[in-house]
Amino acid sequence: MKYQFTLAFFDANGNRLSSGYIGNTWNGNPTAQGWTYK
C-alpha cells in the first residue's frame, strides 16, 4: 500500500493542472504506527 499527500493547482474549471502538483508518497506498514509528520 502507498499513501500520498498532494499539493495541487487547478484551472478556472476546477481541473487539476498536469504540471501543477507534487506529492509526498510513502508505504503502508502492516504494524500500527504512531503519528508521523509529512
PDB file of all heavy atoms in Angstrom:
ATOM      1  N   MET A   1       0.839  -1.204   0.000  1.00  0.00           N
ATOM      2  CA  MET A   1       0.000   0.000   0.000  1.00  0.00           C
ATOM      3  C   MET A   1       0.866   1.243   0.000  1.00  0.00           C
ATOM      4  O   MET A   1       1.913   1.297   0.639  1.00  0.00           O
ATOM      5  CB  MET A   1      -0.872  -0.018   1.259  1.00  0.00           C
ATOM      6  CG  MET A   1      -1.839   1.092   1.372  1.00  0.00           C
ATOM      7  SD  MET A   1      -3.189   0.783   0.256  1.00  0.00           S
ATOM      8  CE  MET A   1      -4.321   2.012   0.797  1.00  0.00           C
ATOM      9  N   LYS A   2       0.444   2.254  -0.733  1.00  0.00           N
ATOM     10  CA  LYS A   2       1.116   3.552  -0.720  1.00  0.00           C
ATOM     11  C   LYS A   2       0.080   4.616  -0.375  1.00  0.00           C
ATOM     12  O   LYS A   2      -1.068   4.541  -0.790  1.00  0.00           O
ATOM     13  CB  LYS A   2       1.744   3.861  -2.072  1.00  0.00           C
ATOM     14  CG  LYS A   2       2.908   2.951  -2.425  1.00  0.00           C
ATOM     15  CD  LYS A   2       3.648   3.468  -3.630  1.00  0.00           C
ATOM     16  CE  LYS A   2       4.764   2.549  -4.040  1.00  0.00           C
ATOM     17  NZ  LYS A   2       5.788   2.353  -3.047  1.00  0.00           N
ATOM     18  N   TYR A   3       0.525   5.619   0.382  1.00  0.00           N
ATOM     19  CA  TYR A   3      -0.297   6.789   0.684  1.00  0.00           C
ATOM     20  C   TYR A   3       0.418   7.995   0.098  1.00  0.00           C
ATOM     21  O   TYR A   3       1.648   8.029   0.014  1.00  0.00           O
ATOM     22  CB  TYR A   3      -0.470   6.963   2.186  1.00  0.00           C
ATOM     23  CG  TYR A   3      -1.283   5.861   2.808  1.00  0.00           C
ATOM     24  CD1 TYR A   3      -0.670   4.806   3.478  1.00  0.00           C
ATOM     25  CD2 TYR A   3      -2.669   5.867   2.704  1.00  0.00           C
ATOM     26  CE1 TYR A   3      -1.414   3.793   4.043  1.00  0.00           C
ATOM     27  CE2 TYR A   3      -3.425   4.851   3.266  1.00  0.00           C
ATOM     28  CZ  TYR A   3      -2.793   3.814   3.933  1.00  0.00           C
ATOM     29  OH  TYR A   3      -3.537   2.815   4.477  1.00  0.00           O
ATOM     30  N   GLN A   4      -0.375   9.004  -0.275  1.00  0.00           N
ATOM     31  CA  GLN A   4       0.218  10.219  -0.821  1.00  0.00           C
ATOM     32  C   GLN A   4      -0.563  11.439  -0.355  1.00  0.00           C
ATOM     33  O   GLN A   4      -1.789  11.457  -0.367  1.00  0.00           O
ATOM     34  CB  GLN A   4       0.231  10.191  -2.349  1.00  0.00           C
ATOM     35  CG  GLN A   4       0.960  11.400  -2.951  1.00  0.00           C
ATOM     36  CD  GLN A   4       1.003  11.341  -4.465  1.00  0.00           C
ATOM     37  OE1 GLN A   4       0.091  11.824  -5.111  1.00  0.00           O
ATOM     38  NE2 GLN A   4       2.048  10.734  -4.996  1.00  0.00           N
ATOM     39  N   PHE A   5       0.181  12.446   0.050  1.00  0.00           N
ATOM     40  CA  PHE A   5      -0.335  13.774   0.384  1.00  0.00           C
ATOM     41  C   PHE A   5       0.109  14.682  -0.752  1.00  0.00           C
ATOM     42  O   PHE A   5       1.295  14.766  -1.055  1.00  0.00           O
ATOM     43  CB  PHE A   5       0.270  14.211   1.724  1.00  0.00           C
ATOM     44  CG  PHE A   5      -0.090  15.593   2.166  1.00  0.00           C
ATOM     45  CD1 PHE A   5      -1.412  15.991   2.282  1.00  0.00           C
ATOM     46  CD2 PHE A   5       0.901  16.500   2.509  1.00  0.00           C
ATOM     47  CE1 PHE A   5      -1.732  17.270   2.713  1.00  0.00           C
ATOM     48  CE2 PHE A   5       0.595  17.767   2.945  1.00  0.00           C
ATOM     49  CZ  PHE A   5      -0.727  18.153   3.055  1.00  0.00           C
ATOM     50  N   THR A   6      -0.844  15.320  -1.435  1.00  0.00           N
ATOM     51  CA  THR A   6      -0.551  16.081  -2.648  1.00  0.00           C
ATOM     52  C   THR A   6      -0.962  17.541  -2.491  1.00  0.00           C
ATOM     53  O   THR A   6      -2.038  17.837  -1.983  1.00  0.00           O
ATOM     54  CB  THR A   6      -1.299  15.475  -3.857  1.00  0.00           C
ATOM     55  OG1 THR A   6      -0.921  14.113  -3.985  1.00  0.00           O
ATOM     56  CG2 THR A   6      -0.984  16.204  -5.139  1.00  0.00           C
ATOM     57  N   LEU A   7      -0.100  18.432  -2.957  1.00  0.00           N
ATOM     58  CA  LEU A   7      -0.404  19.858  -3.080  1.00  0.00           C
ATOM     59  C   LEU A   7      -0.586  20.110  -4.571  1.00  0.00           C
ATOM     60  O   LEU A   7       0.323  19.835  -5.353  1.00  0.00           O
ATOM     61  CB  LEU A   7       0.742  20.685  -2.510  1.00  0.00           C
ATOM     62  CG  LEU A   7       0.684  22.202  -2.656  1.00  0.00           C
ATOM     63  CD1 LEU A   7      -0.601  22.775  -2.087  1.00  0.00           C
ATOM     64  CD2 LEU A   7       1.885  22.834  -1.986  1.00  0.00           C
ATOM     65  N   ALA A   8      -1.772  20.583  -4.958  1.00  0.00           N
ATOM     66  CA  ALA A   8      -2.081  20.685  -6.388  1.00  0.00           C
ATOM     67  C   ALA A   8      -2.714  22.034  -6.723  1.00  0.00           C
ATOM     68  O   ALA A   8      -3.368  22.669  -5.894  1.00  0.00           O
ATOM     69  CB  ALA A   8      -3.041  19.566  -6.786  1.00  0.00           C
ATOM     70  N   PHE A   9      -2.514  22.431  -7.986  1.00  0.00           N
ATOM     71  CA  PHE A   9      -3.105  23.660  -8.513  1.00  0.00           C
ATOM     72  C   PHE A   9      -4.129  23.299  -9.582  1.00  0.00           C
ATOM     73  O   PHE A   9      -3.998  22.284 -10.278  1.00  0.00           O
ATOM     74  CB  PHE A   9      -2.016  24.575  -9.082  1.00  0.00           C
ATOM     75  CG  PHE A   9      -1.071  25.051  -8.023  1.00  0.00           C
ATOM     76  CD1 PHE A   9       0.121  24.388  -7.792  1.00  0.00           C
ATOM     77  CD2 PHE A   9      -1.393  26.143  -7.231  1.00  0.00           C
ATOM     78  CE1 PHE A   9       0.989  24.810  -6.799  1.00  0.00           C
ATOM     79  CE2 PHE A   9      -0.534  26.573  -6.238  1.00  0.00           C
ATOM     80  CZ  PHE A   9       0.654  25.901  -6.025  1.00  0.00           C
ATOM     81  N   PHE A  10      -5.148  24.155  -9.724  1.00  0.00           N
ATOM     82  CA  PHE A  10      -6.290  23.868 -10.583  1.00  0.00           C
ATOM     83  C   PHE A  10      -6.584  25.059 -11.485  1.00  0.00           C
ATOM     84  O   PHE A  10      -6.308  26.200 -11.122  1.00  0.00           O
ATOM     85  CB  PHE A  10      -7.516  23.551  -9.722  1.00  0.00           C
ATOM     86  CG  PHE A  10      -7.329  22.337  -8.846  1.00  0.00           C
ATOM     87  CD1 PHE A  10      -6.620  22.419  -7.658  1.00  0.00           C
ATOM     88  CD2 PHE A  10      -7.853  21.117  -9.221  1.00  0.00           C
ATOM     89  CE1 PHE A  10      -6.429  21.308  -6.854  1.00  0.00           C
ATOM     90  CE2 PHE A  10      -7.672  19.992  -8.429  1.00  0.00           C
ATOM     91  CZ  PHE A  10      -6.967  20.090  -7.252  1.00  0.00           C
ATOM     92  N   ASP A  11      -7.197  24.778 -12.637  1.00  0.00           N
ATOM     93  CA  ASP A  11      -7.580  25.848 -13.561  1.00  0.00           C
ATOM     94  C   ASP A  11      -8.931  26.433 -13.155  1.00  0.00           C
ATOM     95  O   ASP A  11      -9.525  26.038 -12.142  1.00  0.00           O
ATOM     96  CB  ASP A  11      -7.575  25.351 -15.016  1.00  0.00           C
ATOM     97  CG  ASP A  11      -8.624  24.290 -15.301  1.00  0.00           C
ATOM     98  OD1 ASP A  11      -9.595  24.117 -14.509  1.00  0.00           O
ATOM     99  OD2 ASP A  11      -8.490  23.617 -16.339  1.00  0.00           O
ATOM    100  N   ALA A  12      -9.447  27.358 -13.948  1.00  0.00           N
ATOM    101  CA  ALA A  12     -10.699  28.061 -13.640  1.00  0.00           C
ATOM    102  C   ALA A  12     -11.899  27.122 -13.588  1.00  0.00           C
ATOM    103  O   ALA A  12     -12.900  27.426 -12.946  1.00  0.00           O
ATOM    104  CB  ALA A  12     -10.944  29.165 -14.667  1.00  0.00           C
ATOM    105  N   ASN A  13     -11.808  25.959 -14.264  1.00  0.00           N
ATOM    106  CA  ASN A  13     -12.903  24.985 -14.259  1.00  0.00           C
ATOM    107  C   ASN A  13     -12.771  23.955 -13.149  1.00  0.00           C
ATOM    108  O   ASN A  13     -13.570  23.031 -13.058  1.00  0.00           O
ATOM    109  CB  ASN A  13     -12.966  24.259 -15.612  1.00  0.00           C
ATOM    110  CG  ASN A  13     -13.288  25.218 -16.731  1.00  0.00           C
ATOM    111  OD1 ASN A  13     -14.145  26.083 -16.594  1.00  0.00           O
ATOM    112  ND2 ASN A  13     -12.571  25.089 -17.839  1.00  0.00           N
ATOM    113  N   GLY A  14     -11.741  24.084 -12.304  1.00  0.00           N
ATOM    114  CA  GLY A  14     -11.546  23.138 -11.210  1.00  0.00           C
ATOM    115  C   GLY A  14     -10.813  21.873 -11.618  1.00  0.00           C
ATOM    116  O   GLY A  14     -10.810  20.896 -10.877  1.00  0.00           O
ATOM    117  N   ASN A  15     -10.178  21.876 -12.793  1.00  0.00           N
ATOM    118  CA  ASN A  15      -9.403  20.724 -13.247  1.00  0.00           C
ATOM    119  C   ASN A  15      -7.965  20.842 -12.758  1.00  0.00           C
ATOM    120  O   ASN A  15      -7.353  21.906 -12.883  1.00  0.00           O
ATOM    121  CB  ASN A  15      -9.404  20.630 -14.778  1.00  0.00           C
ATOM    122  CG  ASN A  15     -10.807  20.490 -15.317  1.00  0.00           C
ATOM    123  OD1 ASN A  15     -11.586  19.672 -14.853  1.00  0.00           O
ATOM    124  ND2 ASN A  15     -11.142  21.310 -16.305  1.00  0.00           N
ATOM    125  N   ARG A  16      -7.437  19.743 -12.229  1.00  0.00           N
ATOM    126  CA  ARG A  16      -6.063  19.751 -11.746  1.00  0.00           C
ATOM    127  C   ARG A  16      -5.103  19.919 -12.916  1.00  0.00           C
ATOM    128  O   ARG A  16      -5.226  19.248 -13.936  1.00  0.00           O
ATOM    129  CB  ARG A  16      -5.747  18.460 -10.992  1.00  0.00           C
ATOM    130  CG  ARG A  16      -4.411  18.518 -10.276  1.00  0.00           C
ATOM    131  CD  ARG A  16      -4.217  17.362  -9.357  1.00  0.00           C
ATOM    132  NE  ARG A  16      -3.592  16.266 -10.074  1.00  0.00           N
ATOM    133  CZ  ARG A  16      -3.063  15.200  -9.498  1.00  0.00           C
ATOM    134  NH1 ARG A  16      -3.112  15.067  -8.197  1.00  0.00           N
ATOM    135  NH2 ARG A  16      -2.523  14.253 -10.219  1.00  0.00           N
ATOM    136  N   LEU A  17      -4.152  20.844 -12.774  1.00  0.00           N
ATOM    137  CA  LEU A  17      -3.174  21.102 -13.824  1.00  0.00           C
ATOM    138  C   LEU A  17      -2.126  19.985 -13.838  1.00  0.00           C
ATOM    139  O   LEU A  17      -1.577  19.630 -12.793  1.00  0.00           O
ATOM    140  CB  LEU A  17      -2.490  22.448 -13.607  1.00  0.00           C
ATOM    141  CG  LEU A  17      -3.414  23.668 -13.647  1.00  0.00           C
ATOM    142  CD1 LEU A  17      -2.649  24.927 -13.260  1.00  0.00           C
ATOM    143  CD2 LEU A  17      -4.026  23.823 -15.021  1.00  0.00           C
ATOM    144  N   SER A  18      -1.838  19.454 -15.011  1.00  0.00           N
ATOM    145  CA  SER A  18      -0.903  18.335 -15.115  1.00  0.00           C
ATOM    146  C   SER A  18       0.514  18.735 -14.714  1.00  0.00           C
ATOM    147  O   SER A  18       1.297  17.899 -14.281  1.00  0.00           O
ATOM    148  CB  SER A  18      -0.909  17.762 -16.528  1.00  0.00           C
ATOM    149  OG  SER A  18      -0.515  18.757 -17.457  1.00  0.00           O
ATOM    150  N   SER A  19       0.857  20.005 -14.833  1.00  0.00           N
ATOM    151  CA  SER A  19       2.195  20.461 -14.446  1.00  0.00           C
ATOM    152  C   SER A  19       2.196  21.146 -13.089  1.00  0.00           C
ATOM    153  O   SER A  19       3.220  21.668 -12.674  1.00  0.00           O
ATOM    154  CB  SER A  19       2.731  21.434 -15.490  1.00  0.00           C
ATOM    155  OG  SER A  19       1.904  22.594 -15.516  1.00  0.00           O
ATOM    156  N   GLY A  20       1.067  21.139 -12.409  1.00  0.00           N
ATOM    157  CA  GLY A  20       0.953  21.918 -11.181  1.00  0.00           C
ATOM    158  C   GLY A  20       0.618  21.105  -9.953  1.00  0.00           C
ATOM    159  O   GLY A  20      -0.339  21.417  -9.249  1.00  0.00           O
ATOM    160  N   TYR A  21       1.388  20.065  -9.673  1.00  0.00           N
ATOM    161  CA  TYR A  21       1.177  19.337  -8.426  1.00  0.00           C
ATOM    162  C   TYR A  21       2.451  18.589  -8.043  1.00  0.00           C
ATOM    163  O   TYR A  21       3.309  18.318  -8.874  1.00  0.00           O
ATOM    164  CB  TYR A  21      -0.002  18.371  -8.515  1.00  0.00           C
ATOM    165  CG  TYR A  21       0.229  17.181  -9.431  1.00  0.00           C
ATOM    166  CD1 TYR A  21       0.748  15.992  -8.932  1.00  0.00           C
ATOM    167  CD2 TYR A  21      -0.081  17.241 -10.780  1.00  0.00           C
ATOM    168  CE1 TYR A  21       0.963  14.908  -9.765  1.00  0.00           C
ATOM    169  CE2 TYR A  21       0.122  16.163 -11.617  1.00  0.00           C
ATOM    170  CZ  TYR A  21       0.649  14.994 -11.094  1.00  0.00           C
ATOM    171  OH  TYR A  21       0.864  13.926 -11.922  1.00  0.00           O
ATOM    172  N   ILE A  22       2.546  18.297  -6.768  1.00  0.00           N
ATOM    173  CA  ILE A  22       3.638  17.470  -6.265  1.00  0.00           C
ATOM    174  C   ILE A  22       3.093  16.690  -5.074  1.00  0.00           C
ATOM    175  O   ILE A  22       2.252  17.188  -4.326  1.00  0.00           O
ATOM    176  CB  ILE A  22       4.875  18.307  -5.874  1.00  0.00           C
ATOM    177  CG1 ILE A  22       6.073  17.401  -5.609  1.00  0.00           C
ATOM    178  CG2 ILE A  22       4.587  19.203  -4.706  1.00  0.00           C
ATOM    179  CD1 ILE A  22       7.397  18.132  -5.546  1.00  0.00           C
ATOM    180  N   GLY A  23       3.547  15.457  -4.929  1.00  0.00           N
ATOM    181  CA  GLY A  23       3.068  14.618  -3.843  1.00  0.00           C
ATOM    182  C   GLY A  23       4.203  14.075  -3.003  1.00  0.00           C
ATOM    183  O   GLY A  23       5.320  13.895  -3.479  1.00  0.00           O
ATOM    184  N   ASN A  24       3.907  13.830  -1.751  1.00  0.00           N
ATOM    185  CA  ASN A  24       4.806  13.143  -0.837  1.00  0.00           C
ATOM    186  C   ASN A  24       4.220  11.748  -0.660  1.00  0.00           C
ATOM    187  O   ASN A  24       3.110  11.600  -0.157  1.00  0.00           O
ATOM    188  CB  ASN A  24       4.876  13.897   0.488  1.00  0.00           C
ATOM    189  CG  ASN A  24       5.828  13.271   1.481  1.00  0.00           C
ATOM    190  OD1 ASN A  24       6.178  12.098   1.380  1.00  0.00           O
ATOM    191  ND2 ASN A  24       6.231  14.045   2.473  1.00  0.00           N
ATOM    192  N   THR A  25       4.948  10.708  -1.090  1.00  0.00           N
ATOM    193  CA  THR A  25       4.432   9.334  -1.101  1.00  0.00           C
ATOM    194  C   THR A  25       5.252   8.452  -0.165  1.00  0.00           C
ATOM    195  O   THR A  25       6.481   8.569  -0.117  1.00  0.00           O
ATOM    196  CB  THR A  25       4.511   8.758  -2.537  1.00  0.00           C
ATOM    197  OG1 THR A  25       3.846   9.648  -3.426  1.00  0.00           O
ATOM    198  CG2 THR A  25       3.858   7.395  -2.618  1.00  0.00           C
ATOM    199  N   TRP A  26       4.581   7.539   0.559  1.00  0.00           N
ATOM    200  CA  TRP A  26       5.259   6.605   1.448  1.00  0.00           C
ATOM    201  C   TRP A  26       4.475   5.304   1.492  1.00  0.00           C
ATOM    202  O   TRP A  26       3.300   5.259   1.110  1.00  0.00           O
ATOM    203  CB  TRP A  26       5.433   7.192   2.848  1.00  0.00           C
ATOM    204  CG  TRP A  26       4.145   7.554   3.520  1.00  0.00           C
ATOM    205  CD1 TRP A  26       3.425   6.781   4.383  1.00  0.00           C
ATOM    206  CD2 TRP A  26       3.404   8.773   3.374  1.00  0.00           C
ATOM    207  NE1 TRP A  26       2.286   7.442   4.784  1.00  0.00           N
ATOM    208  CE2 TRP A  26       2.259   8.666   4.170  1.00  0.00           C
ATOM    209  CE3 TRP A  26       3.607   9.939   2.642  1.00  0.00           C
ATOM    210  CZ2 TRP A  26       1.302   9.684   4.262  1.00  0.00           C
ATOM    211  CZ3 TRP A  26       2.656  10.947   2.725  1.00  0.00           C
ATOM    212  CH2 TRP A  26       1.517  10.809   3.535  1.00  0.00           C
ATOM    213  N   ASN A  27       5.104   4.234   1.951  1.00  0.00           N
ATOM    214  CA  ASN A  27       4.487   2.912   2.017  1.00  0.00           C
ATOM    215  C   ASN A  27       3.687   2.735   3.292  1.00  0.00           C
ATOM    216  O   ASN A  27       4.029   3.299   4.339  1.00  0.00           O
ATOM    217  CB  ASN A  27       5.541   1.812   1.962  1.00  0.00           C
ATOM    218  CG  ASN A  27       6.180   1.703   0.594  1.00  0.00           C
ATOM    219  OD1 ASN A  27       5.653   2.215  -0.394  1.00  0.00           O
ATOM    220  ND2 ASN A  27       7.317   1.049   0.529  1.00  0.00           N
ATOM    221  N   GLY A  28       2.656   1.894   3.185  1.00  0.00           N
ATOM    222  CA  GLY A  28       1.904   1.486   4.356  1.00  0.00           C
ATOM    223  C   GLY A  28       2.741   0.552   5.215  1.00  0.00           C
ATOM    224  O   GLY A  28       3.788   0.065   4.778  1.00  0.00           O
ATOM    225  N   ASN A  29       2.293   0.300   6.422  1.00  0.00           N
ATOM    226  CA  ASN A  29       3.029  -0.559   7.333  1.00  0.00           C
ATOM    227  C   ASN A  29       2.056  -1.558   7.973  1.00  0.00           C
ATOM    228  O   ASN A  29       1.049  -1.141   8.539  1.00  0.00           O
ATOM    229  CB  ASN A  29       3.711   0.284   8.404  1.00  0.00           C
ATOM    230  CG  ASN A  29       4.778  -0.468   9.136  1.00  0.00           C
ATOM    231  OD1 ASN A  29       4.594  -1.611   9.536  1.00  0.00           O
ATOM    232  ND2 ASN A  29       5.919   0.176   9.323  1.00  0.00           N
ATOM    233  N   PRO A  30       2.348  -2.870   7.883  1.00  0.00           N
ATOM    234  CA  PRO A  30       1.449  -3.865   8.478  1.00  0.00           C
ATOM    235  C   PRO A  30       1.309  -3.728   9.992  1.00  0.00           C
ATOM    236  O   PRO A  30       0.305  -4.148  10.563  1.00  0.00           O
ATOM    237  CB  PRO A  30       2.110  -5.205   8.117  1.00  0.00           C
ATOM    238  CG  PRO A  30       2.956  -4.903   6.924  1.00  0.00           C
ATOM    239  CD  PRO A  30       3.431  -3.496   7.117  1.00  0.00           C
ATOM    240  N   THR A  31       2.289  -3.115  10.645  1.00  0.00           N
ATOM    241  CA  THR A  31       2.234  -2.893  12.091  1.00  0.00           C
ATOM    242  C   THR A  31       1.779  -1.463  12.342  1.00  0.00           C
ATOM    243  O   THR A  31       2.264  -0.525  11.709  1.00  0.00           O
ATOM    244  CB  THR A  31       3.639  -3.101  12.712  1.00  0.00           C
ATOM    245  OG1 THR A  31       4.116  -4.392  12.354  1.00  0.00           O
ATOM    246  CG2 THR A  31       3.589  -2.970  14.221  1.00  0.00           C
ATOM    247  N   ALA A  32       0.863  -1.297  13.278  1.00  0.00           N
ATOM    248  CA  ALA A  32       0.364   0.053  13.585  1.00  0.00           C
ATOM    249  C   ALA A  32       1.513   0.986  13.939  1.00  0.00           C
ATOM    250  O   ALA A  32       2.440   0.608  14.654  1.00  0.00           O
ATOM    251  CB  ALA A  32      -0.640  -0.019  14.727  1.00  0.00           C
ATOM    252  N   GLN A  33       1.455   2.195  13.429  1.00  0.00           N
ATOM    253  CA  GLN A  33       2.480   3.220  13.647  1.00  0.00           C
ATOM    254  C   GLN A  33       1.826   4.462  14.243  1.00  0.00           C
ATOM    255  O   GLN A  33       0.686   4.774  13.921  1.00  0.00           O
ATOM    256  CB  GLN A  33       3.142   3.598  12.323  1.00  0.00           C
ATOM    257  CG  GLN A  33       3.767   2.433  11.581  1.00  0.00           C
ATOM    258  CD  GLN A  33       4.963   1.860  12.304  1.00  0.00           C
ATOM    259  OE1 GLN A  33       5.875   2.582  12.660  1.00  0.00           O
ATOM    260  NE2 GLN A  33       4.951   0.566  12.550  1.00  0.00           N
ATOM    261  N   GLY A  34       2.558   5.205  15.035  1.00  0.00           N
ATOM    262  CA  GLY A  34       2.043   6.449  15.621  1.00  0.00           C
ATOM    263  C   GLY A  34       2.046   7.587  14.605  1.00  0.00           C
ATOM    264  O   GLY A  34       2.401   7.410  13.440  1.00  0.00           O
ATOM    265  N   TRP A  35       1.662   8.764  15.070  1.00  0.00           N
ATOM    266  CA  TRP A  35       1.602   9.947  14.217  1.00  0.00           C
ATOM    267  C   TRP A  35       2.988  10.281  13.665  1.00  0.00           C
ATOM    268  O   TRP A  35       3.968  10.323  14.410  1.00  0.00           O
ATOM    269  CB  TRP A  35       1.073  11.149  14.991  1.00  0.00           C
ATOM    270  CG  TRP A  35      -0.379  11.096  15.314  1.00  0.00           C
ATOM    271  CD1 TRP A  35      -0.926  10.801  16.531  1.00  0.00           C
ATOM    272  CD2 TRP A  35      -1.467  11.345  14.437  1.00  0.00           C
ATOM    273  NE1 TRP A  35      -2.293  10.856  16.454  1.00  0.00           N
ATOM    274  CE2 TRP A  35      -2.661  11.185  15.173  1.00  0.00           C
ATOM    275  CE3 TRP A  35      -1.560  11.681  13.088  1.00  0.00           C
ATOM    276  CZ2 TRP A  35      -3.919  11.356  14.619  1.00  0.00           C
ATOM    277  CZ3 TRP A  35      -2.824  11.849  12.532  1.00  0.00           C
ATOM    278  CH2 TRP A  35      -3.973  11.693  13.285  1.00  0.00           C
ATOM    279  N   THR A  36       3.072  10.533  12.358  1.00  0.00           N
ATOM    280  CA  THR A  36       4.296  10.991  11.711  1.00  0.00           C
ATOM    281  C   THR A  36       3.981  12.239  10.897  1.00  0.00           C
ATOM    282  O   THR A  36       2.853  12.418  10.420  1.00  0.00           O
ATOM    283  CB  THR A  36       4.922   9.918  10.793  1.00  0.00           C
ATOM    284  OG1 THR A  36       3.967   9.530   9.812  1.00  0.00           O
ATOM    285  CG2 THR A  36       5.378   8.712  11.597  1.00  0.00           C
ATOM    286  N   TYR A  37       4.976  13.079  10.736  1.00  0.00           N
ATOM    287  CA  TYR A  37       4.813  14.374  10.066  1.00  0.00           C
ATOM    288  C   TYR A  37       5.212  14.251   8.603  1.00  0.00           C
ATOM    289  O   TYR A  37       6.288  13.733   8.289  1.00  0.00           O
ATOM    290  CB  TYR A  37       5.702  15.393  10.785  1.00  0.00           C
ATOM    291  CG  TYR A  37       5.610  16.801  10.287  1.00  0.00           C
ATOM    292  CD1 TYR A  37       4.444  17.535  10.431  1.00  0.00           C
ATOM    293  CD2 TYR A  37       6.708  17.423   9.696  1.00  0.00           C
ATOM    294  CE1 TYR A  37       4.369  18.855  10.002  1.00  0.00           C
ATOM    295  CE2 TYR A  37       6.650  18.735   9.265  1.00  0.00           C
ATOM    296  CZ  TYR A  37       5.477  19.438   9.422  1.00  0.00           C
ATOM    297  OH  TYR A  37       5.406  20.732   9.000  1.00  0.00           O
ATOM    298  N   LYS A  38       4.353  14.717   7.703  1.00  0.00           N
ATOM    299  CA  LYS A  38       4.617  14.692   6.265  1.00  0.00           C
ATOM    300  C   LYS A  38       4.508  16.123   5.745  1.00  0.00           C
ATOM    301  O   LYS A  38       3.635  16.877   6.169  1.00  0.00           O
ATOM    302  CB  LYS A  38       3.616  13.803   5.529  1.00  0.00           C
ATOM    303  CG  LYS A  38       3.483  12.398   6.097  1.00  0.00           C
ATOM    304  CD  LYS A  38       4.751  11.598   5.936  1.00  0.00           C
ATOM    305  CE  LYS A  38       4.600  10.188   6.485  1.00  0.00           C
ATOM    306  NZ  LYS A  38       5.805   9.393   6.357  1.00  0.00           N
TER     307      LYS A  38
END
